[in-house]
């Protein structure tokens, strides 16, 4: 159980770091305001899940580990296509 909890924390730290860095990169890029809004809104929505787990709003389940990496992958694809 301790190993799983450590892996969840490590995964969430990596995701949060990636999303925050990506938001800062998008803010510096010369991209239209509409595209910036879409990218930042997507990142904020994806940030809600790790913070929800951290603050105890919901528990990390098996579905979280299946769906959340896919969502991150789709987000990465989206920002590469838009920006």
PDB file of N, CA and C in Angstrom:
ATOM      1  N   UNK A   1       0.821  -1.191   0.000  1.00  0.00           N
ATOM      2  CA  UNK A   1       0.000   0.000   0.000  1.00  0.00           C
ATOM      3  C   UNK A   1       0.864   1.254   0.000  1.00  0.00           C
ATOM      4  N   UNK A   2       1.979   1.219   0.714  1.00  0.00           N
ATOM      5  CA  UNK A   2       2.862   2.382   0.775  1.00  0.00           C
ATOM      6  C   UNK A   2       3.487   2.639  -0.592  1.00  0.00           C
ATOM      7  N   UNK A   3       3.820   1.573  -1.311  1.00  0.00           N
ATOM      8  CA  UNK A   3       4.419   1.727  -2.636  1.00  0.00           C
ATOM      9  C   UNK A   3       3.419   2.353  -3.604  1.00  0.00           C
ATOM     10  N   UNK A   4       2.183   1.922  -3.555  1.00  0.00           N
ATOM     11  CA  UNK A   4       1.146   2.483  -4.426  1.00  0.00           C
ATOM     12  C   UNK A   4       0.931   3.958  -4.110  1.00  0.00           C
ATOM     13  N   UNK A   5       0.884   4.293  -2.839  1.00  0.00           N
ATOM     14  CA  UNK A   5       0.699   5.697  -2.450  1.00  0.00           C
ATOM     15  C   UNK A   5       1.873   6.545  -2.947  1.00  0.00           C
ATOM     16  N   UNK A   6       3.093   6.022  -2.826  1.00  0.00           N
ATOM     17  CA  UNK A   6       4.263   6.743  -3.319  1.00  0.00           C
ATOM     18  C   UNK A   6       4.188   6.936  -4.827  1.00  0.00           C
ATOM     19  N   UNK A   7       3.776   5.901  -5.558  1.00  0.00           N
ATOM     20  CA  UNK A   7       3.659   6.015  -7.013  1.00  0.00           C
ATOM     21  C   UNK A   7       2.597   7.036  -7.417  1.00  0.00           C
ATOM     22  N   UNK A   8       1.496   7.067  -6.708  1.00  0.00           N
ATOM     23  CA  UNK A   8       0.445   8.054  -6.988  1.00  0.00           C
ATOM     24  C   UNK A   8       0.975   9.463  -6.773  1.00  0.00           C
ATOM     25  N   UNK A   9       1.675   9.672  -5.682  1.00  0.00           N
ATOM     26  CA  UNK A   9       2.223  10.996  -5.393  1.00  0.00           C
ATOM     27  C   UNK A   9       3.255  11.382  -6.448  1.00  0.00           C
ATOM     28  N   UNK A  10       4.143  10.470  -6.801  1.00  0.00           N
ATOM     29  CA  UNK A  10       5.168  10.762  -7.811  1.00  0.00           C
ATOM     30  C   UNK A  10       4.536  11.071  -9.167  1.00  0.00           C
ATOM     31  N   UNK A  11       3.533  10.304  -9.544  1.00  0.00           N
ATOM     32  CA  UNK A  11       2.839  10.525 -10.817  1.00  0.00           C
ATOM     33  C   UNK A  11       2.173  11.895 -10.823  1.00  0.00           C
ATOM     34  N   UNK A  12       1.491  12.219  -9.742  1.00  0.00           N
ATOM     35  CA  UNK A  12       0.791  13.503  -9.677  1.00  0.00           C
ATOM     36  C   UNK A  12       1.754  14.678  -9.654  1.00  0.00           C
ATOM     37  N   UNK A  13       2.878  14.534  -8.978  1.00  0.00           N
ATOM     38  CA  UNK A  13       3.880  15.610  -8.963  1.00  0.00           C
ATOM     39  C   UNK A  13       4.419  15.834 -10.373  1.00  0.00           C
ATOM     40  N   UNK A  14       4.696  14.779 -11.084  1.00  0.00           N
ATOM     41  CA  UNK A  14       5.200  14.912 -12.449  1.00  0.00           C
ATOM     42  C   UNK A  14       4.173  15.580 -13.363  1.00  0.00           C
ATOM     43  N   UNK A  15       2.920  15.188 -13.240  1.00  0.00           N
ATOM     44  CA  UNK A  15       1.865  15.762 -14.074  1.00  0.00           C
ATOM     45  C   UNK A  15       1.653  17.233 -13.749  1.00  0.00           C
ATOM     46  N   UNK A  16       1.587  17.569 -12.479  1.00  0.00           N
ATOM     47  CA  UNK A  16       1.373  18.959 -12.085  1.00  0.00           C
ATOM     48  C   UNK A  16       2.535  19.823 -12.562  1.00  0.00           C
ATOM     49  N   UNK A  17       3.747  19.338 -12.407  1.00  0.00           N
ATOM     50  CA  UNK A  17       4.916  20.084 -12.871  1.00  0.00           C
ATOM     51  C   UNK A  17       4.856  20.303 -14.377  1.00  0.00           C
ATOM     52  N   UNK A  18       4.535  19.256 -15.117  1.00  0.00           N
ATOM     53  CA  UNK A  18       4.439  19.373 -16.568  1.00  0.00           C
ATOM     54  C   UNK A  18       3.380  20.398 -16.965  1.00  0.00           C
ATOM     55  N   UNK A  19       2.223  20.331 -16.360  1.00  0.00           N
ATOM     56  CA  UNK A  19       1.138  21.234 -16.739  1.00  0.00           C
ATOM     57  C   UNK A  19       1.462  22.686 -16.400  1.00  0.00           C
ATOM     58  N   UNK A  20       2.062  22.925 -15.265  1.00  0.00           N
ATOM     59  CA  UNK A  20       2.407  24.295 -14.888  1.00  0.00           C
ATOM     60  C   UNK A  20       3.489  24.848 -15.813  1.00  0.00           C
ATOM     61  N   UNK A  21       4.489  24.033 -16.117  1.00  0.00           N
ATOM     62  CA  UNK A  21       5.534  24.477 -17.040  1.00  0.00           C
ATOM     63  C   UNK A  21       4.938  24.760 -18.409  1.00  0.00           C
ATOM     64  N   UNK A  22       4.031  23.912 -18.849  1.00  0.00           N
ATOM     65  CA  UNK A  22       3.410  24.105 -20.171  1.00  0.00           C
ATOM     66  C   UNK A  22       2.561  25.377 -20.198  1.00  0.00           C
ATOM     67  N   UNK A  23       1.851  25.669 -19.119  1.00  0.00           N
ATOM     68  CA  UNK A  23       1.069  26.905 -19.058  1.00  0.00           C
ATOM     69  C   UNK A  23       2.005  28.107 -19.183  1.00  0.00           C
ATOM     70  N   UNK A  24       3.118  28.084 -18.473  1.00  0.00           N
ATOM     71  CA  UNK A  24       4.064  29.194 -18.539  1.00  0.00           C
ATOM     72  C   UNK A  24       4.679  29.340 -19.934  1.00  0.00           C
ATOM     73  N   UNK A  25       4.944  28.229 -20.606  1.00  0.00           N
ATOM     74  CA  UNK A  25       5.483  28.283 -21.962  1.00  0.00           C
ATOM     75  C   UNK A  25       4.462  28.876 -22.933  1.00  0.00           C
ATOM     76  N   UNK A  26       3.215  28.486 -22.786  1.00  0.00           N
ATOM     77  CA  UNK A  26       2.165  28.988 -23.669  1.00  0.00           C
ATOM     78  C   UNK A  26       1.977  30.486 -23.472  1.00  0.00           C
ATOM     79  N   UNK A  27       2.065  30.947 -22.233  1.00  0.00           N
ATOM     80  CA  UNK A  27       1.910  32.376 -21.977  1.00  0.00           C
ATOM     81  C   UNK A  27       3.000  33.201 -22.661  1.00  0.00           C
ATOM     82  N   UNK A  28       4.183  32.628 -22.836  1.00  0.00           N
ATOM     83  CA  UNK A  28       5.295  33.341 -23.460  1.00  0.00           C
ATOM     84  C   UNK A  28       5.270  33.257 -24.986  1.00  0.00           C
ATOM     85  N   UNK A  29       4.550  32.285 -25.554  1.00  0.00           N
ATOM     86  CA  UNK A  29       4.540  32.088 -26.995  1.00  0.00           C
ATOM     87  C   UNK A  29       3.649  33.111 -27.689  1.00  0.00           C
ATOM     88  N   UNK A  30       4.024  33.485 -28.915  1.00  0.00           N
ATOM     89  CA  UNK A  30       3.162  34.393 -29.688  1.00  0.00           C
ATOM     90  C   UNK A  30       2.034  33.626 -30.383  1.00  0.00           C
ATOM     91  N   UNK A  31       1.051  33.215 -29.602  1.00  0.00           N
ATOM     92  CA  UNK A  31      -0.098  32.468 -30.109  1.00  0.00           C
ATOM     93  C   UNK A  31      -1.331  33.337 -29.886  1.00  0.00           C
ATOM     94  N   UNK A  32      -2.346  33.157 -30.709  1.00  0.00           N
ATOM     95  CA  UNK A  32      -3.555  33.965 -30.564  1.00  0.00           C
ATOM     96  C   UNK A  32      -4.195  33.734 -29.193  1.00  0.00           C
ATOM     97  N   UNK A  33      -4.938  34.711 -28.749  1.00  0.00           N
ATOM     98  CA  UNK A  33      -5.550  34.655 -27.419  1.00  0.00           C
ATOM     99  C   UNK A  33      -6.539  33.496 -27.303  1.00  0.00           C
ATOM    100  N   UNK A  34      -7.241  33.189 -28.370  1.00  0.00           N
ATOM    101  CA  UNK A  34      -8.214  32.092 -28.344  1.00  0.00           C
ATOM    102  C   UNK A  34      -7.517  30.749 -28.129  1.00  0.00           C
ATOM    103  N   UNK A  35      -6.407  30.549 -28.826  1.00  0.00           N
ATOM    104  CA  UNK A  35      -5.659  29.303 -28.673  1.00  0.00           C
ATOM    105  C   UNK A  35      -5.049  29.198 -27.281  1.00  0.00           C
ATOM    106  N   UNK A  36      -4.538  30.317 -26.770  1.00  0.00           N
ATOM    107  CA  UNK A  36      -3.994  30.319 -25.411  1.00  0.00           C
ATOM    108  C   UNK A  36      -5.067  29.952 -24.403  1.00  0.00           C
ATOM    109  N   UNK A  37      -6.265  30.467 -24.595  1.00  0.00           N
ATOM    110  CA  UNK A  37      -7.363  30.178 -23.673  1.00  0.00           C
ATOM    111  C   UNK A  37      -7.701  28.697 -23.665  1.00  0.00           C
ATOM    112  N   UNK A  38      -7.734  28.086 -24.832  1.00  0.00           N
ATOM    113  CA  UNK A  38      -8.048  26.652 -24.925  1.00  0.00           C
ATOM    114  C   UNK A  38      -6.972  25.823 -24.235  1.00  0.00           C
ATOM    115  N   UNK A  39      -5.714  26.152 -24.479  1.00  0.00           N
ATOM    116  CA  UNK A  39      -4.608  25.393 -23.890  1.00  0.00           C
ATOM    117  C   UNK A  39      -4.587  25.551 -22.371  1.00  0.00           C
ATOM    118  N   UNK A  40      -4.748  26.772 -21.895  1.00  0.00           N
ATOM    119  CA  UNK A  40      -4.712  27.016 -20.452  1.00  0.00           C
ATOM    120  C   UNK A  40      -5.927  26.406 -19.765  1.00  0.00           C
ATOM    121  N   UNK A  41      -7.101  26.493 -20.390  1.00  0.00           N
ATOM    122  CA  UNK A  41      -8.301  25.891 -19.804  1.00  0.00           C
ATOM    123  C   UNK A  41      -8.148  24.375 -19.701  1.00  0.00           C
ATOM    124  N   UNK A  42      -7.586  23.747 -20.723  1.00  0.00           N
ATOM    125  CA  UNK A  42      -7.345  22.303 -20.674  1.00  0.00           C
ATOM    126  C   UNK A  42      -6.400  21.919 -19.552  1.00  0.00           C
ATOM    127  N   UNK A  43      -5.345  22.701 -19.387  1.00  0.00           N
ATOM    128  CA  UNK A  43      -4.380  22.422 -18.315  1.00  0.00           C
ATOM    129  C   UNK A  43      -5.014  22.587 -16.945  1.00  0.00           C
ATOM    130  N   UNK A  44      -5.818  23.608 -16.778  1.00  0.00           N
ATOM    131  CA  UNK A  44      -6.463  23.835 -15.481  1.00  0.00           C
ATOM    132  C   UNK A  44      -7.430  22.704 -15.156  1.00  0.00           C
ATOM    133  N   UNK A  45      -8.167  22.254 -16.152  1.00  0.00           N
ATOM    134  CA  UNK A  45      -9.086  21.126 -15.925  1.00  0.00           C
ATOM    135  C   UNK A  45      -8.311  19.872 -15.537  1.00  0.00           C
ATOM    136  N   UNK A  46      -7.180  19.632 -16.207  1.00  0.00           N
ATOM    137  CA  UNK A  46      -6.373  18.468 -15.860  1.00  0.00           C
ATOM    138  C   UNK A  46      -5.696  18.617 -14.499  1.00  0.00           C
ATOM    139  N   UNK A  47      -5.464  19.841 -14.068  1.00  0.00           N
ATOM    140  CA  UNK A  47      -4.875  20.062 -12.746  1.00  0.00           C
ATOM    141  C   UNK A  47      -5.862  19.791 -11.616  1.00  0.00           C
ATOM    142  N   UNK A  48      -7.141  19.838 -11.909  1.00  0.00           N
ATOM    143  CA  UNK A  48      -8.142  19.608 -10.865  1.00  0.00           C
ATOM    144  C   UNK A  48      -8.078  18.191 -10.297  1.00  0.00           C
ATOM    145  N   UNK A  49      -7.761  17.212 -11.118  1.00  0.00           N
ATOM    146  CA  UNK A  49      -7.726  15.823 -10.644  1.00  0.00           C
ATOM    147  C   UNK A  49      -6.642  15.580  -9.588  1.00  0.00           C
ATOM    148  N   UNK A  50      -5.375  15.939  -9.846  1.00  0.00           N
ATOM    149  CA  UNK A  50      -4.374  15.702  -8.796  1.00  0.00           C
ATOM    150  C   UNK A  50      -4.645  16.491  -7.522  1.00  0.00           C
ATOM    151  N   UNK A  51      -5.112  17.719  -7.671  1.00  0.00           N
ATOM    152  CA  UNK A  51      -5.406  18.506  -6.477  1.00  0.00           C
ATOM    153  C   UNK A  51      -6.625  17.952  -5.745  1.00  0.00           C
ATOM    154  N   UNK A  52      -7.579  17.402  -6.483  1.00  0.00           N
ATOM    155  CA  UNK A  52      -8.726  16.758  -5.847  1.00  0.00           C
ATOM    156  C   UNK A  52      -8.322  15.543  -5.031  1.00  0.00           C
ATOM    157  N   UNK A  53      -7.374  14.785  -5.537  1.00  0.00           N
ATOM    158  CA  UNK A  53      -6.860  13.634  -4.792  1.00  0.00           C
ATOM    159  C   UNK A  53      -6.068  14.110  -3.584  1.00  0.00           C
ATOM    160  N   UNK A  54      -5.230  15.123  -3.781  1.00  0.00           N
ATOM    161  CA  UNK A  54      -4.394  15.630  -2.699  1.00  0.00           C
ATOM    162  C   UNK A  54      -5.233  16.177  -1.544  1.00  0.00           C
ATOM    163  N   UNK A  55      -6.291  16.892  -1.858  1.00  0.00           N
ATOM    164  CA  UNK A  55      -7.135  17.476  -0.820  1.00  0.00           C
ATOM    165  C   UNK A  55      -8.219  16.528  -0.329  1.00  0.00           C
ATOM    166  N   UNK A  56      -8.284  15.327  -0.878  1.00  0.00           N
ATOM    167  CA  UNK A  56      -9.188  14.307  -0.377  1.00  0.00           C
ATOM    168  C   UNK A  56     -10.610  14.383  -0.900  1.00  0.00           C
ATOM    169  N   UNK A  57     -10.829  15.074  -2.007  1.00  0.00           N
ATOM    170  CA  UNK A  57     -12.175  15.134  -2.571  1.00  0.00           C
ATOM    171  C   UNK A  57     -12.590  13.796  -3.171  1.00  0.00           C
ATOM    172  N   UNK A  58     -11.627  13.066  -3.731  1.00  0.00           N
ATOM    173  CA  UNK A  58     -11.902  11.717  -4.211  1.00  0.00           C
ATOM    174  C   UNK A  58     -10.635  10.890  -4.105  1.00  0.00           C
ATOM    175  N   UNK A  59     -10.805   9.576  -4.157  1.00  0.00           N
ATOM    176  CA  UNK A  59      -9.684   8.648  -4.007  1.00  0.00           C
ATOM    177  C   UNK A  59      -9.167   8.232  -5.371  1.00  0.00           C
ATOM    178  N   UNK A  60      -7.866   7.980  -5.470  1.00  0.00           N
ATOM    179  CA  UNK A  60      -7.342   7.478  -6.741  1.00  0.00           C
ATOM    180  C   UNK A  60      -7.785   6.028  -6.936  1.00  0.00           C
ATOM    181  N   UNK A  61      -8.421   5.771  -8.019  1.00  0.00           N
ATOM    182  CA  UNK A  61      -8.899   4.427  -8.321  1.00  0.00           C
ATOM    183  C   UNK A  61      -8.162   3.887  -9.540  1.00  0.00           C
ATOM    184  N   UNK A  62      -8.457   2.662  -9.870  1.00  0.00           N
ATOM    185  CA  UNK A  62      -7.842   2.037 -11.036  1.00  0.00           C
ATOM    186  C   UNK A  62      -8.219   2.799 -12.307  1.00  0.00           C
ATOM    187  N   UNK A  63      -9.457   3.282 -12.378  1.00  0.00           N
ATOM    188  CA  UNK A  63      -9.898   4.040 -13.547  1.00  0.00           C
ATOM    189  C   UNK A  63      -9.092   5.331 -13.706  1.00  0.00           C
ATOM    190  N   UNK A  64      -8.721   5.940 -12.590  1.00  0.00           N
ATOM    191  CA  UNK A  64      -7.900   7.155 -12.642  1.00  0.00           C
ATOM    192  C   UNK A  64      -6.587   6.872 -13.357  1.00  0.00           C
ATOM    193  N   UNK A  65      -5.976   5.745 -13.035  1.00  0.00           N
ATOM    194  CA  UNK A  65      -4.701   5.402 -13.655  1.00  0.00           C
ATOM    195  C   UNK A  65      -4.847   4.989 -15.114  1.00  0.00           C
ATOM    196  N   UNK A  66      -6.038   4.643 -15.532  1.00  0.00           N
ATOM    197  CA  UNK A  66      -6.268   4.322 -16.936  1.00  0.00           C
ATOM    198  C   UNK A  66      -6.652   5.554 -17.747  1.00  0.00           C
ATOM    199  N   UNK A  67      -7.514   6.379 -17.202  1.00  0.00           N
ATOM    200  CA  UNK A  67      -8.060   7.510 -17.949  1.00  0.00           C
ATOM    201  C   UNK A  67      -7.145   8.730 -17.916  1.00  0.00           C
ATOM    202  N   UNK A  68      -6.546   9.027 -16.777  1.00  0.00           N
ATOM    203  CA  UNK A  68      -5.771  10.258 -16.645  1.00  0.00           C
ATOM    204  C   UNK A  68      -4.553  10.295 -17.570  1.00  0.00           C
ATOM    205  N   UNK A  69      -3.769   9.234 -17.710  1.00  0.00           N
ATOM    206  CA  UNK A  69      -2.659   9.280 -18.682  1.00  0.00           C
ATOM    207  C   UNK A  69      -3.140   9.477 -20.120  1.00  0.00           C
ATOM    208  N   UNK A  70      -4.288   8.913 -20.455  1.00  0.00           N
ATOM    209  CA  UNK A  70      -4.847   9.122 -21.795  1.00  0.00           C
ATOM    210  C   UNK A  70      -5.221  10.589 -21.976  1.00  0.00           C
ATOM    211  N   UNK A  71      -5.817  11.182 -20.951  1.00  0.00           N
ATOM    212  CA  UNK A  71      -6.176  12.601 -21.019  1.00  0.00           C
ATOM    213  C   UNK A  71      -4.931  13.470 -21.170  1.00  0.00           C
ATOM    214  N   UNK A  72      -3.879  13.149 -20.456  1.00  0.00           N
ATOM    215  CA  UNK A  72      -2.622  13.894 -20.582  1.00  0.00           C
ATOM    216  C   UNK A  72      -2.057  13.729 -21.990  1.00  0.00           C
ATOM    217  N   UNK A  73      -2.113  12.530 -22.529  1.00  0.00           N
ATOM    218  CA  UNK A  73      -1.644  12.293 -23.897  1.00  0.00           C
ATOM    219  C   UNK A  73      -2.436  13.086 -24.925  1.00  0.00           C
ATOM    220  N   UNK A  74      -3.752  13.119 -24.775  1.00  0.00           N
ATOM    221  CA  UNK A  74      -4.579  13.905 -25.687  1.00  0.00           C
ATOM    222  C   UNK A  74      -4.294  15.396 -25.547  1.00  0.00           C
ATOM    223  N   UNK A  75      -4.023  15.834 -24.327  1.00  0.00           N
ATOM    224  CA  UNK A  75      -3.673  17.235 -24.107  1.00  0.00           C
ATOM    225  C   UNK A  75      -2.358  17.573 -24.807  1.00  0.00           C
ATOM    226  N   UNK A  76      -1.367  16.703 -24.686  1.00  0.00           N
ATOM    227  CA  UNK A  76      -0.086  16.933 -25.358  1.00  0.00           C
ATOM    228  C   UNK A  76      -0.285  16.986 -26.869  1.00  0.00           C
ATOM    229  N   UNK A  77      -1.097  16.074 -27.404  1.00  0.00           N
ATOM    230  CA  UNK A  77      -1.378  16.091 -28.837  1.00  0.00           C
ATOM    231  C   UNK A  77      -2.068  17.401 -29.230  1.00  0.00           C
ATOM    232  N   UNK A  78      -3.027  17.840 -28.411  1.00  0.00           N
ATOM    233  CA  UNK A  78      -3.769  19.064 -28.707  1.00  0.00           C
ATOM    234  C   UNK A  78      -2.835  20.276 -28.739  1.00  0.00           C
ATOM    235  N   UNK A  79      -1.943  20.392 -27.756  1.00  0.00           N
ATOM    236  CA  UNK A  79      -1.074  21.567 -27.720  1.00  0.00           C
ATOM    237  C   UNK A  79      -0.047  21.544 -28.841  1.00  0.00           C
ATOM    238  N   UNK A  80       0.313  20.368 -29.303  1.00  0.00           N
ATOM    239  CA  UNK A  80       1.248  20.307 -30.440  1.00  0.00           C
ATOM    240  C   UNK A  80       0.539  20.710 -31.732  1.00  0.00           C
ATOM    241  N   UNK A  81      -0.736  20.379 -31.865  1.00  0.00           N
ATOM    242  CA  UNK A  81      -1.499  20.730 -33.065  1.00  0.00           C
ATOM    243  C   UNK A  81      -1.892  22.203 -33.069  1.00  0.00           C
ATOM    244  N   UNK A  82      -2.232  22.744 -31.919  1.00  0.00           N
ATOM    245  CA  UNK A  82      -2.701  24.134 -31.846  1.00  0.00           C
ATOM    246  C   UNK A  82      -1.534  25.106 -31.884  1.00  0.00           C
ATOM    247  N   UNK A  83      -0.537  24.846 -31.048  1.00  0.00           N
ATOM    248  CA  UNK A  83       0.556  25.828 -30.901  1.00  0.00           C
ATOM    249  C   UNK A  83       1.628  25.667 -31.927  1.00  0.00           C
TER     250      UNK A  83
END
